[in-house]
Amino acid sequence: MRKIFFSLLIALMLLCITPKNNVTQAKENATLTVSSTITKNDKAVVDIDLSGNSGIWALKFKVGYNHSALTLESVQNGEVFSDGDLTMPDKLDKEEFVFVASSNSLKDIKSNGTVATFNFKTVDYSPEGKYPIELTLIQAIDVDGKIIKMDTQDGTVTVSYDVKNDDIVFDKAKNEEIKMPLEVKEAVNKVKINETEIDKDSYTVDSDGNVVIGSDYLNTLKNGKYKVNVETEKKNYAADIFVKEDVEKEIEEKSKEAKEENKKGEESKSTKKINGKDSKSEKGVNKIKNGWTGQKSNSAIVISIIGLVIIAGIVCVLVKKRRVNG
């Protein structure tokens, strides 16, 4: 009988040992997104943003880009990790930039937002066009060392040159030859574009000594910025020219994109305000949930103790009866 009593006692004691919080929440997949942008004054700013984060402690990823068109000038920390969490590489000119961050705290970071900002500069005379900014996730873990599944989205930098009124521009939509007002007085020996000599049939020299480059040759060039060198017997001349698909259409598109960016900026500010309020509400809800869970745990302990007392009483009655019968 004593063996039965102690067995029941141990079983009920084990039931009383309940975790403080017995609710397990699964983490949703987070996403790292590279922004897309257009160069302004030969520069581009690219953000890498984290969204859907339910808890992260360390993050490592690499960023690849076209080095023939873009130069990485600097990388700035965002708002997710603190400055002390980052391990920056010694040089920025490597084939791929490796971002490494781990929290100095023993708690997961649960904030969303910009992880890092990459500042690019256009390489001189690179063609216009879209250049991919490729992000590859290496690892993301939480404070317990568990791997976090994370999606990634690449971005682009569109290289586009802004032209001024006094720039020499070949507009493919108008298909007109361009005149370089050099007023050379000597015979022209060579004309080079980006250090490549062009055929003499592709240009002429007018009576004022200006070099005129024909539209047939210019139409073979990609849109972009080019360096033209004119070599004579005594002196060399240099000037930049721009080749554009349709100048008027480009101006309209850039104006439209600028308006859209301003609109997105205003929407982003509104979203941040809303998220700030929601985040407070969520904290309140979590407090209620945790309190409710605690109450459930306490109730379970009380019920277990009452059950223990009742069974102990029954066992005592059985023991007394056995003694009386004996």
C-alpha atoms as a PDB file:
ATOM      1  CA  MET A   1       0.000   0.000   0.000  1.00  0.00           C
ATOM      2  CA  ARG A   2       2.844   2.378   0.829  1.00  0.00           C
ATOM      3  CA  LYS A   3       4.360   1.688  -2.601  1.00  0.00           C
ATOM      4  CA  ILE A   4       1.048   2.611  -4.247  1.00  0.00           C
ATOM      5  CA  PHE A   5       0.848   5.788  -2.158  1.00  0.00           C
ATOM      6  CA  PHE A   6       4.374   6.962  -3.041  1.00  0.00           C
ATOM      7  CA  SER A   7       3.863   6.123  -6.721  1.00  0.00           C
ATOM      8  CA  LEU A   8       0.728   8.256  -6.852  1.00  0.00           C
ATOM      9  CA  LEU A   9       2.482  11.034  -4.945  1.00  0.00           C
ATOM     10  CA  ILE A  10       5.420  11.141  -7.419  1.00  0.00           C
ATOM     11  CA  ALA A  11       3.069  11.121 -10.424  1.00  0.00           C
ATOM     12  CA  LEU A  12       1.106  14.069  -9.076  1.00  0.00           C
ATOM     13  CA  MET A  13       4.290  15.996  -8.247  1.00  0.00           C
ATOM     14  CA  LEU A  14       5.423  15.593 -11.851  1.00  0.00           C
ATOM     15  CA  LEU A  15       2.050  16.934 -13.007  1.00  0.00           C
ATOM     16  CA  CYS A  16       2.565  19.988 -10.823  1.00  0.00           C
ATOM     17  CA  ILE A  17       5.868  20.815 -12.582  1.00  0.00           C
ATOM     18  CA  THR A  18       4.483  22.833 -15.495  1.00  0.00           C
ATOM     19  CA  PRO A  19       6.371  25.319 -17.662  1.00  0.00           C
ATOM     20  CA  LYS A  20       5.843  29.014 -16.972  1.00  0.00           C
ATOM     21  CA  ASN A  21       4.785  29.651 -20.561  1.00  0.00           C
ATOM     22  CA  ASN A  22       3.537  26.603 -22.429  1.00  0.00           C
ATOM     23  CA  VAL A  23       2.582  28.460 -25.640  1.00  0.00           C
ATOM     24  CA  THR A  24       5.012  27.942 -28.568  1.00  0.00           C
ATOM     25  CA  GLN A  25       4.750  30.356 -31.485  1.00  0.00           C
ATOM     26  CA  ALA A  26       6.212  29.387 -34.874  1.00  0.00           C
ATOM     27  CA  LYS A  27       8.364  32.033 -36.616  1.00  0.00           C
ATOM     28  CA  GLU A  28       7.190  33.240 -39.985  1.00  0.00           C
ATOM     29  CA  ASN A  29       9.595  33.548 -42.911  1.00  0.00           C
ATOM     30  CA  ALA A  30      11.350  36.907 -43.046  1.00  0.00           C
ATOM     31  CA  THR A  31      12.364  38.660 -46.271  1.00  0.00           C
ATOM     32  CA  LEU A  32      15.470  40.626 -47.261  1.00  0.00           C
ATOM     33  CA  THR A  33      14.715  43.033 -50.108  1.00  0.00           C
ATOM     34  CA  VAL A  34      17.146  45.078 -52.204  1.00  0.00           C
ATOM     35  CA  SER A  35      15.700  48.375 -53.389  1.00  0.00           C
ATOM     36  CA  SER A  36      15.815  49.492 -57.032  1.00  0.00           C
ATOM     37  CA  THR A  37      16.906  52.988 -57.970  1.00  0.00           C
ATOM     38  CA  ILE A  38      18.113  55.291 -60.765  1.00  0.00           C
ATOM     39  CA  THR A  39      21.431  57.132 -60.635  1.00  0.00           C
ATOM     40  CA  LYS A  40      21.372  60.834 -59.851  1.00  0.00           C
ATOM     41  CA  ASN A  41      24.517  62.874 -60.490  1.00  0.00           C
ATOM     42  CA  ASP A  42      26.336  59.591 -61.196  1.00  0.00           C
ATOM     43  CA  LYS A  43      25.453  58.195 -57.753  1.00  0.00           C
ATOM     44  CA  ALA A  44      22.981  55.584 -56.484  1.00  0.00           C
ATOM     45  CA  VAL A  45      21.733  54.722 -52.989  1.00  0.00           C
ATOM     46  CA  VAL A  46      20.522  51.146 -52.439  1.00  0.00           C
ATOM     47  CA  ASP A  47      18.795  49.960 -49.236  1.00  0.00           C
ATOM     48  CA  ILE A  48      18.534  46.378 -48.030  1.00  0.00           C
ATOM     49  CA  ASP A  49      15.395  46.055 -45.924  1.00  0.00           C
ATOM     50  CA  LEU A  50      14.237  43.332 -43.531  1.00  0.00           C
ATOM     51  CA  SER A  51      10.525  42.574 -43.196  1.00  0.00           C
ATOM     52  CA  GLY A  52       8.444  39.868 -41.488  1.00  0.00           C
ATOM     53  CA  ASN A  53      11.068  39.497 -38.752  1.00  0.00           C
ATOM     54  CA  SER A  54       9.823  37.612 -35.697  1.00  0.00           C
ATOM     55  CA  GLY A  55      13.223  37.328 -34.020  1.00  0.00           C
ATOM     56  CA  ILE A  56      16.817  37.319 -35.298  1.00  0.00           C
ATOM     57  CA  TRP A  57      20.166  37.314 -33.521  1.00  0.00           C
ATOM     58  CA  ALA A  58      22.780  37.048 -36.317  1.00  0.00           C
ATOM     59  CA  LEU A  59      22.735  37.627 -40.064  1.00  0.00           C
ATOM     60  CA  LYS A  60      25.229  37.039 -42.872  1.00  0.00           C
ATOM     61  CA  PHE A  61      24.727  37.709 -46.576  1.00  0.00           C
ATOM     62  CA  LYS A  62      26.699  38.804 -49.637  1.00  0.00           C
ATOM     63  CA  VAL A  63      25.960  41.431 -52.264  1.00  0.00           C
ATOM     64  CA  GLY A  64      27.153  41.170 -55.852  1.00  0.00           C
ATOM     65  CA  TYR A  65      27.105  43.868 -58.547  1.00  0.00           C
ATOM     66  CA  ASN A  66      28.640  44.775 -61.916  1.00  0.00           C
ATOM     67  CA  HIS A  67      32.059  46.296 -61.192  1.00  0.00           C
ATOM     68  CA  SER A  68      32.452  47.568 -64.756  1.00  0.00           C
ATOM     69  CA  ALA A  69      29.468  49.894 -64.255  1.00  0.00           C
ATOM     70  CA  LEU A  70      29.350  50.556 -60.495  1.00  0.00           C
ATOM     71  CA  THR A  71      31.844  51.311 -57.750  1.00  0.00           C
ATOM     72  CA  LEU A  72      30.899  50.737 -54.103  1.00  0.00           C
ATOM     73  CA  GLU A  73      31.966  53.849 -52.202  1.00  0.00           C
ATOM     74  CA  SER A  74      30.584  53.149 -48.726  1.00  0.00           C
ATOM     75  CA  VAL A  75      28.200  51.028 -46.649  1.00  0.00           C
ATOM     76  CA  GLN A  76      26.183  52.435 -43.759  1.00  0.00           C
ATOM     77  CA  ASN A  77      24.493  50.559 -40.952  1.00  0.00           C
ATOM     78  CA  GLY A  78      20.704  50.653 -40.887  1.00  0.00           C
ATOM     79  CA  GLU A  79      18.195  50.561 -38.028  1.00  0.00           C
ATOM     80  CA  VAL A  80      17.942  46.826 -37.288  1.00  0.00           C
ATOM     81  CA  PHE A  81      21.398  46.185 -35.782  1.00  0.00           C
ATOM     82  CA  SER A  82      23.452  48.578 -33.660  1.00  0.00           C
ATOM     83  CA  ASP A  83      26.824  49.813 -34.940  1.00  0.00           C
ATOM     84  CA  GLY A  84      28.671  47.557 -32.496  1.00  0.00           C
ATOM     85  CA  ASP A  85      26.948  44.464 -33.939  1.00  0.00           C
ATOM     86  CA  LEU A  86      28.562  44.841 -37.382  1.00  0.00           C
ATOM     87  CA  THR A  87      31.829  43.342 -38.650  1.00  0.00           C
ATOM     88  CA  MET A  88      32.865  45.395 -41.683  1.00  0.00           C
ATOM     89  CA  PRO A  89      35.381  44.130 -44.296  1.00  0.00           C
ATOM     90  CA  ASP A  90      38.748  45.880 -44.638  1.00  0.00           C
ATOM     91  CA  LYS A  91      38.175  46.723 -48.327  1.00  0.00           C
ATOM     92  CA  LEU A  92      35.121  47.507 -50.408  1.00  0.00           C
ATOM     93  CA  ASP A  93      36.562  46.575 -53.805  1.00  0.00           C
ATOM     94  CA  LYS A  94      36.172  42.811 -53.440  1.00  0.00           C
ATOM     95  CA  GLU A  95      34.097  40.850 -55.964  1.00  0.00           C
ATOM     96  CA  GLU A  96      31.236  40.559 -53.465  1.00  0.00           C
ATOM     97  CA  PHE A  97      30.541  42.525 -50.307  1.00  0.00           C
ATOM     98  CA  VAL A  98      29.965  40.272 -47.273  1.00  0.00           C
ATOM     99  CA  PHE A  99      27.718  41.682 -44.550  1.00  0.00           C
ATOM    100  CA  VAL A 100      28.056  40.159 -41.065  1.00  0.00           C
ATOM    101  CA  ALA A 101      26.128  41.211 -37.958  1.00  0.00           C
ATOM    102  CA  SER A 102      25.446  39.560 -34.602  1.00  0.00           C
ATOM    103  CA  SER A 103      23.683  41.107 -31.637  1.00  0.00           C
ATOM    104  CA  ASN A 104      25.724  41.894 -28.528  1.00  0.00           C
ATOM    105  CA  SER A 105      22.615  41.117 -26.478  1.00  0.00           C
ATOM    106  CA  LEU A 106      21.362  37.672 -25.450  1.00  0.00           C
ATOM    107  CA  LYS A 107      17.955  38.514 -26.867  1.00  0.00           C
ATOM    108  CA  ASP A 108      16.536  38.279 -30.386  1.00  0.00           C
ATOM    109  CA  ILE A 109      16.097  41.477 -32.369  1.00  0.00           C
ATOM    110  CA  LYS A 110      12.483  41.750 -33.482  1.00  0.00           C
ATOM    111  CA  SER A 111      12.545  45.044 -35.360  1.00  0.00           C
ATOM    112  CA  ASN A 112      12.089  45.481 -39.115  1.00  0.00           C
ATOM    113  CA  GLY A 113      13.525  48.131 -41.405  1.00  0.00           C
ATOM    114  CA  THR A 114      16.754  48.961 -43.245  1.00  0.00           C
ATOM    115  CA  VAL A 115      19.625  46.584 -42.460  1.00  0.00           C
ATOM    116  CA  ALA A 116      22.247  48.441 -44.503  1.00  0.00           C
ATOM    117  CA  THR A 117      22.572  51.208 -47.106  1.00  0.00           C
ATOM    118  CA  PHE A 118      24.971  50.810 -50.041  1.00  0.00           C
ATOM    119  CA  ASN A 119      26.319  53.928 -51.774  1.00  0.00           C
ATOM    120  CA  PHE A 120      27.423  53.380 -55.390  1.00  0.00           C
ATOM    121  CA  LYS A 121      29.117  55.624 -57.940  1.00  0.00           C
ATOM    122  CA  THR A 122      28.834  55.165 -61.694  1.00  0.00           C
ATOM    123  CA  VAL A 123      32.042  54.100 -63.409  1.00  0.00           C
ATOM    124  CA  ASP A 124      33.091  56.736 -65.955  1.00  0.00           C
ATOM    125  CA  TYR A 125      31.599  56.187 -69.415  1.00  0.00           C
ATOM    126  CA  SER A 126      29.687  53.022 -68.497  1.00  0.00           C
ATOM    127  CA  PRO A 127      26.664  52.404 -70.774  1.00  0.00           C
ATOM    128  CA  GLU A 128      23.178  53.282 -69.618  1.00  0.00           C
ATOM    129  CA  GLY A 129      20.940  50.415 -68.553  1.00  0.00           C
ATOM    130  CA  LYS A 130      19.756  48.302 -65.620  1.00  0.00           C
ATOM    131  CA  TYR A 131      22.429  46.576 -63.550  1.00  0.00           C
ATOM    132  CA  PRO A 132      21.366  43.877 -61.024  1.00  0.00           C
ATOM    133  CA  ILE A 133      22.231  44.082 -57.336  1.00  0.00           C
ATOM    134  CA  GLU A 134      22.222  40.417 -56.298  1.00  0.00           C
ATOM    135  CA  LEU A 135      21.743  39.373 -52.675  1.00  0.00           C
ATOM    136  CA  THR A 136      22.687  35.864 -51.469  1.00  0.00           C
ATOM    137  CA  LEU A 137      21.744  34.776 -47.947  1.00  0.00           C
ATOM    138  CA  ILE A 138      24.499  32.830 -46.194  1.00  0.00           C
ATOM    139  CA  GLN A 139      22.919  32.332 -42.782  1.00  0.00           C
ATOM    140  CA  ALA A 140      20.365  33.775 -40.365  1.00  0.00           C
ATOM    141  CA  ILE A 141      19.912  32.416 -36.827  1.00  0.00           C
ATOM    142  CA  ASP A 142      18.061  33.294 -33.641  1.00  0.00           C
ATOM    143  CA  VAL A 143      19.534  33.559 -30.153  1.00  0.00           C
ATOM    144  CA  ASP A 144      19.113  29.778 -29.612  1.00  0.00           C
ATOM    145  CA  GLY A 145      21.133  29.001 -32.748  1.00  0.00           C
ATOM    146  CA  LYS A 146      18.109  27.888 -34.754  1.00  0.00           C
ATOM    147  CA  ILE A 147      18.266  28.603 -38.481  1.00  0.00           C
ATOM    148  CA  ILE A 148      15.743  31.152 -39.743  1.00  0.00           C
ATOM    149  CA  LYS A 149      14.259  30.611 -43.187  1.00  0.00           C
ATOM    150  CA  MET A 150      14.530  33.853 -45.125  1.00  0.00           C
ATOM    151  CA  ASP A 151      13.500  34.883 -48.633  1.00  0.00           C
ATOM    152  CA  THR A 152      15.567  37.338 -50.708  1.00  0.00           C
ATOM    153  CA  GLN A 153      14.665  39.755 -53.488  1.00  0.00           C
ATOM    154  CA  ASP A 154      17.296  41.301 -55.763  1.00  0.00           C
ATOM    155  CA  GLY A 155      17.244  44.924 -56.894  1.00  0.00           C
ATOM    156  CA  THR A 156      18.646  47.018 -59.742  1.00  0.00           C
ATOM    157  CA  VAL A 157      20.558  50.220 -60.325  1.00  0.00           C
ATOM    158  CA  THR A 158      19.576  51.957 -63.543  1.00  0.00           C
ATOM    159  CA  VAL A 159      22.484  54.001 -64.873  1.00  0.00           C
ATOM    160  CA  SER A 160      21.120  57.122 -66.551  1.00  0.00           C
ATOM    161  CA  TYR A 161      23.016  60.322 -67.360  1.00  0.00           C
ATOM    162  CA  ASP A 162      21.422  63.708 -66.818  1.00  0.00           C
ATOM    163  CA  VAL A 163      22.161  66.087 -69.683  1.00  0.00           C
ATOM    164  CA  LYS A 164      22.380  69.868 -69.600  1.00  0.00           C
ATOM    165  CA  ASN A 165      21.540  72.405 -72.265  1.00  0.00           C
ATOM    166  CA  ASP A 166      25.179  72.901 -73.274  1.00  0.00           C
ATOM    167  CA  ASP A 167      26.004  69.153 -73.485  1.00  0.00           C
ATOM    168  CA  ILE A 168      26.646  67.491 -76.842  1.00  0.00           C
ATOM    169  CA  VAL A 169      23.827  64.961 -77.210  1.00  0.00           C
ATOM    170  CA  PHE A 170      22.955  62.561 -79.999  1.00  0.00           C
ATOM    171  CA  ASP A 171      19.218  61.907 -79.778  1.00  0.00           C
ATOM    172  CA  LYS A 172      18.376  58.685 -81.647  1.00  0.00           C
ATOM    173  CA  ALA A 173      14.746  59.783 -81.876  1.00  0.00           C
ATOM    174  CA  LYS A 174      15.817  62.844 -83.933  1.00  0.00           C
ATOM    175  CA  ASN A 175      18.666  61.006 -85.728  1.00  0.00           C
ATOM    176  CA  GLU A 176      20.737  64.140 -86.363  1.00  0.00           C
ATOM    177  CA  GLU A 177      24.532  64.263 -86.706  1.00  0.00           C
ATOM    178  CA  ILE A 178      26.440  65.988 -83.919  1.00  0.00           C
ATOM    179  CA  LYS A 179      28.948  68.771 -84.249  1.00  0.00           C
ATOM    180  CA  MET A 180      31.909  69.135 -81.907  1.00  0.00           C
ATOM    181  CA  PRO A 181      32.834  72.843 -81.795  1.00  0.00           C
ATOM    182  CA  LEU A 182      36.588  72.352 -81.578  1.00  0.00           C
ATOM    183  CA  GLU A 183      37.623  74.791 -84.325  1.00  0.00           C
ATOM    184  CA  VAL A 184      40.778  72.828 -85.077  1.00  0.00           C
ATOM    185  CA  LYS A 185      43.221  74.593 -87.371  1.00  0.00           C
ATOM    186  CA  GLU A 186      45.370  71.572 -88.177  1.00  0.00           C
ATOM    187  CA  ALA A 187      44.545  68.480 -90.163  1.00  0.00           C
ATOM    188  CA  VAL A 188      42.717  65.808 -88.173  1.00  0.00           C
ATOM    189  CA  ASN A 189      44.650  62.558 -87.982  1.00  0.00           C
ATOM    190  CA  LYS A 190      42.420  60.429 -85.779  1.00  0.00           C
ATOM    191  CA  VAL A 191      39.097  60.509 -83.972  1.00  0.00           C
ATOM    192  CA  LYS A 192      38.719  58.135 -81.042  1.00  0.00           C
ATOM    193  CA  ILE A 193      35.629  57.310 -78.987  1.00  0.00           C
ATOM    194  CA  ASN A 194      36.424  55.723 -75.631  1.00  0.00           C
ATOM    195  CA  GLU A 195      39.981  55.126 -76.847  1.00  0.00           C
ATOM    196  CA  THR A 196      38.816  53.245 -79.973  1.00  0.00           C
ATOM    197  CA  GLU A 197      39.616  54.834 -83.335  1.00  0.00           C
ATOM    198  CA  ILE A 198      36.623  55.232 -85.613  1.00  0.00           C
ATOM    199  CA  ASP A 199      36.649  54.973 -89.410  1.00  0.00           C
ATOM    200  CA  LYS A 200      37.316  58.208 -91.317  1.00  0.00           C
ATOM    201  CA  ASP A 201      34.072  57.724 -93.238  1.00  0.00           C
ATOM    202  CA  SER A 202      32.203  58.169 -89.945  1.00  0.00           C
ATOM    203  CA  TYR A 203      33.143  61.841 -89.500  1.00  0.00           C
ATOM    204  CA  THR A 204      33.952  65.029 -91.432  1.00  0.00           C
ATOM    205  CA  VAL A 205      35.591  68.373 -90.633  1.00  0.00           C
ATOM    206  CA  ASP A 206      33.665  71.475 -91.727  1.00  0.00           C
ATOM    207  CA  SER A 207      35.125  74.758 -92.920  1.00  0.00           C
ATOM    208  CA  ASP A 208      35.234  76.160 -89.364  1.00  0.00           C
ATOM    209  CA  GLY A 209      37.333  73.228 -88.125  1.00  0.00           C
ATOM    210  CA  ASN A 210      34.480  71.519 -86.262  1.00  0.00           C
ATOM    211  CA  VAL A 211      34.372  67.731 -86.226  1.00  0.00           C
ATOM    212  CA  VAL A 212      30.994  66.386 -87.374  1.00  0.00           C
ATOM    213  CA  ILE A 213      30.211  62.747 -86.478  1.00  0.00           C
ATOM    214  CA  GLY A 214      27.599  61.064 -88.682  1.00  0.00           C
ATOM    215  CA  SER A 215      24.326  59.598 -87.394  1.00  0.00           C
ATOM    216  CA  ASP A 216      24.959  56.191 -89.033  1.00  0.00           C
ATOM    217  CA  TYR A 217      27.933  55.564 -86.740  1.00  0.00           C
ATOM    218  CA  LEU A 218      26.305  57.107 -83.638  1.00  0.00           C
ATOM    219  CA  ASN A 219      23.296  54.789 -83.997  1.00  0.00           C
ATOM    220  CA  THR A 220      25.636  51.814 -83.486  1.00  0.00           C
ATOM    221  CA  LEU A 221      26.549  53.040 -79.994  1.00  0.00           C
ATOM    222  CA  LYS A 222      24.716  52.028 -76.840  1.00  0.00           C
ATOM    223  CA  ASN A 223      22.997  54.741 -74.844  1.00  0.00           C
ATOM    224  CA  GLY A 224      25.442  56.381 -72.474  1.00  0.00           C
ATOM    225  CA  LYS A 225      28.329  58.768 -72.061  1.00  0.00           C
ATOM    226  CA  TYR A 226      31.386  58.701 -74.329  1.00  0.00           C
ATOM    227  CA  LYS A 227      34.756  60.394 -74.403  1.00  0.00           C
ATOM    228  CA  VAL A 228      35.790  61.732 -77.811  1.00  0.00           C
ATOM    229  CA  ASN A 229      39.461  62.438 -78.589  1.00  0.00           C
ATOM    230  CA  VAL A 230      40.476  64.330 -81.714  1.00  0.00           C
ATOM    231  CA  GLU A 231      44.168  64.034 -82.574  1.00  0.00           C
ATOM    232  CA  THR A 232      45.909  66.532 -84.858  1.00  0.00           C
ATOM    233  CA  GLU A 233      49.556  67.018 -85.775  1.00  0.00           C
ATOM    234  CA  LYS A 234      50.162  69.629 -83.070  1.00  0.00           C
ATOM    235  CA  LYS A 235      47.362  69.282 -80.525  1.00  0.00           C
ATOM    236  CA  ASN A 236      44.784  66.853 -79.132  1.00  0.00           C
ATOM    237  CA  TYR A 237      41.209  67.817 -78.255  1.00  0.00           C
ATOM    238  CA  ALA A 238      38.821  66.026 -75.883  1.00  0.00           C
ATOM    239  CA  ALA A 239      35.104  66.321 -75.190  1.00  0.00           C
ATOM    240  CA  ASP A 240      32.252  64.246 -73.788  1.00  0.00           C
ATOM    241  CA  ILE A 241      29.162  63.319 -75.775  1.00  0.00           C
ATOM    242  CA  PHE A 242      25.930  61.606 -74.747  1.00  0.00           C
ATOM    243  CA  VAL A 243      23.916  59.102 -76.748  1.00  0.00           C
ATOM    244  CA  LYS A 244      20.219  58.970 -75.824  1.00  0.00           C
ATOM    245  CA  GLU A 245      17.248  56.974 -77.120  1.00  0.00           C
ATOM    246  CA  ASP A 246      14.673  59.728 -76.778  1.00  0.00           C
ATOM    247  CA  VAL A 247      15.541  62.799 -74.714  1.00  0.00           C
ATOM    248  CA  GLU A 248      12.019  64.225 -74.432  1.00  0.00           C
ATOM    249  CA  LYS A 249      10.504  60.882 -73.435  1.00  0.00           C
ATOM    250  CA  GLU A 250      13.240  60.351 -70.841  1.00  0.00           C
ATOM    251  CA  ILE A 251      12.569  63.730 -69.249  1.00  0.00           C
ATOM    252  CA  GLU A 252       8.844  62.889 -68.986  1.00  0.00           C
ATOM    253  CA  GLU A 253       9.567  59.453 -67.438  1.00  0.00           C
ATOM    254  CA  LYS A 254      12.002  60.885 -64.884  1.00  0.00           C
ATOM    255  CA  SER A 255       9.483  63.543 -63.901  1.00  0.00           C
ATOM    256  CA  LYS A 256       6.814  60.855 -63.428  1.00  0.00           C
ATOM    257  CA  GLU A 257       9.174  58.647 -61.375  1.00  0.00           C
ATOM    258  CA  ALA A 258      10.112  61.594 -59.158  1.00  0.00           C
ATOM    259  CA  LYS A 259       6.423  62.186 -58.379  1.00  0.00           C
ATOM    260  CA  GLU A 260       5.914  58.482 -57.600  1.00  0.00           C
ATOM    261  CA  GLU A 261       8.951  58.469 -55.270  1.00  0.00           C
ATOM    262  CA  ASN A 262       7.581  61.477 -53.391  1.00  0.00           C
ATOM    263  CA  LYS A 263       4.225  59.721 -53.082  1.00  0.00           C
ATOM    264  CA  LYS A 264       5.897  56.541 -51.789  1.00  0.00           C
ATOM    265  CA  GLY A 265       7.861  58.621 -49.277  1.00  0.00           C
ATOM    266  CA  GLU A 266       4.677  60.127 -47.893  1.00  0.00           C
ATOM    267  CA  GLU A 267       2.999  56.695 -47.733  1.00  0.00           C
ATOM    268  CA  SER A 268       6.068  55.270 -45.957  1.00  0.00           C
ATOM    269  CA  LYS A 269       5.871  57.987 -43.284  1.00  0.00           C
ATOM    270  CA  SER A 270       2.172  57.240 -42.738  1.00  0.00           C
ATOM    271  CA  THR A 271       2.871  53.481 -42.531  1.00  0.00           C
ATOM    272  CA  LYS A 272       5.591  54.010 -39.916  1.00  0.00           C
ATOM    273  CA  LYS A 273       3.169  56.005 -37.770  1.00  0.00           C
ATOM    274  CA  ILE A 274       0.482  53.329 -38.111  1.00  0.00           C
ATOM    275  CA  ASN A 275       2.988  50.556 -37.363  1.00  0.00           C
ATOM    276  CA  GLY A 276       4.125  52.425 -34.277  1.00  0.00           C
ATOM    277  CA  LYS A 277       0.550  52.446 -32.929  1.00  0.00           C
ATOM    278  CA  ASP A 278      -0.031  48.824 -33.948  1.00  0.00           C
ATOM    279  CA  SER A 279       3.173  47.775 -32.266  1.00  0.00           C
ATOM    280  CA  LYS A 280       1.973  49.263 -28.938  1.00  0.00           C
ATOM    281  CA  SER A 281      -1.353  47.505 -29.349  1.00  0.00           C
ATOM    282  CA  GLU A 282       0.395  44.224 -30.087  1.00  0.00           C
ATOM    283  CA  LYS A 283       2.468  44.594 -26.918  1.00  0.00           C
ATOM    284  CA  GLY A 284      -0.753  45.057 -24.937  1.00  0.00           C
ATOM    285  CA  VAL A 285      -2.302  41.989 -26.551  1.00  0.00           C
ATOM    286  CA  ASN A 286       0.834  39.949 -25.837  1.00  0.00           C
ATOM    287  CA  LYS A 287       0.704  41.045 -22.192  1.00  0.00           C
ATOM    288  CA  ILE A 288      -2.901  39.881 -21.944  1.00  0.00           C
ATOM    289  CA  LYS A 289      -2.017  36.581 -23.656  1.00  0.00           C
ATOM    290  CA  ASN A 290       0.937  36.004 -21.346  1.00  0.00           C
ATOM    291  CA  GLY A 291      -1.186  36.850 -18.300  1.00  0.00           C
ATOM    292  CA  TRP A 292      -3.885  34.474 -19.477  1.00  0.00           C
ATOM    293  CA  THR A 293      -1.286  31.742 -20.010  1.00  0.00           C
ATOM    294  CA  GLY A 294       0.092  32.361 -16.528  1.00  0.00           C
ATOM    295  CA  GLN A 295      -3.389  32.072 -15.064  1.00  0.00           C
ATOM    296  CA  LYS A 296      -3.886  28.768 -16.901  1.00  0.00           C
ATOM    297  CA  SER A 297      -0.597  27.459 -15.482  1.00  0.00           C
ATOM    298  CA  ASN A 298      -1.510  28.523 -11.932  1.00  0.00           C
ATOM    299  CA  SER A 299      -4.959  26.925 -12.248  1.00  0.00           C
ATOM    300  CA  ALA A 300      -3.364  23.667 -13.412  1.00  0.00           C
ATOM    301  CA  ILE A 301      -1.089  23.636 -10.348  1.00  0.00           C
ATOM    302  CA  VAL A 302      -4.001  24.280  -7.951  1.00  0.00           C
ATOM    303  CA  ILE A 303      -6.084  21.494  -9.535  1.00  0.00           C
ATOM    304  CA  SER A 304      -3.112  19.097  -9.317  1.00  0.00           C
ATOM    305  CA  ILE A 305      -2.613  19.857  -5.595  1.00  0.00           C
ATOM    306  CA  ILE A 306      -6.319  19.343  -4.855  1.00  0.00           C
ATOM    307  CA  GLY A 307      -6.185  16.024  -6.701  1.00  0.00           C
ATOM    308  CA  LEU A 308      -3.121  15.052  -4.690  1.00  0.00           C
ATOM    309  CA  VAL A 309      -4.899  15.805  -1.386  1.00  0.00           C
ATOM    310  CA  ILE A 310      -8.002  13.809  -2.403  1.00  0.00           C
ATOM    311  CA  ILE A 311      -5.991  10.754  -3.463  1.00  0.00           C
ATOM    312  CA  ALA A 312      -3.874  10.965  -0.310  1.00  0.00           C
ATOM    313  CA  GLY A 313      -7.082  10.980   1.746  1.00  0.00           C
ATOM    314  CA  ILE A 314      -8.454   7.935  -0.094  1.00  0.00           C
ATOM    315  CA  VAL A 315      -5.201   6.046   0.468  1.00  0.00           C
ATOM    316  CA  CYS A 316      -5.271   6.858   4.195  1.00  0.00           C
ATOM    317  CA  VAL A 317      -8.858   5.544   4.486  1.00  0.00           C
ATOM    318  CA  LEU A 318      -7.882   2.307   2.713  1.00  0.00           C
ATOM    319  CA  VAL A 319      -4.891   1.827   5.018  1.00  0.00           C
ATOM    320  CA  LYS A 320      -7.049   2.289   8.144  1.00  0.00           C
ATOM    321  CA  LYS A 321      -9.650  -0.203   6.860  1.00  0.00           C
ATOM    322  CA  ARG A 322      -6.921  -2.744   6.188  1.00  0.00           C
ATOM    323  CA  ARG A 323      -5.593  -2.354   9.748  1.00  0.00           C
ATOM    324  CA  VAL A 324      -9.102  -2.771  11.247  1.00  0.00           C
ATOM    325  CA  ASN A 325      -9.813  -5.887   9.157  1.00  0.00           C
ATOM    326  CA  GLY A 326      -6.432  -7.270  10.074  1.00  0.00           C
END
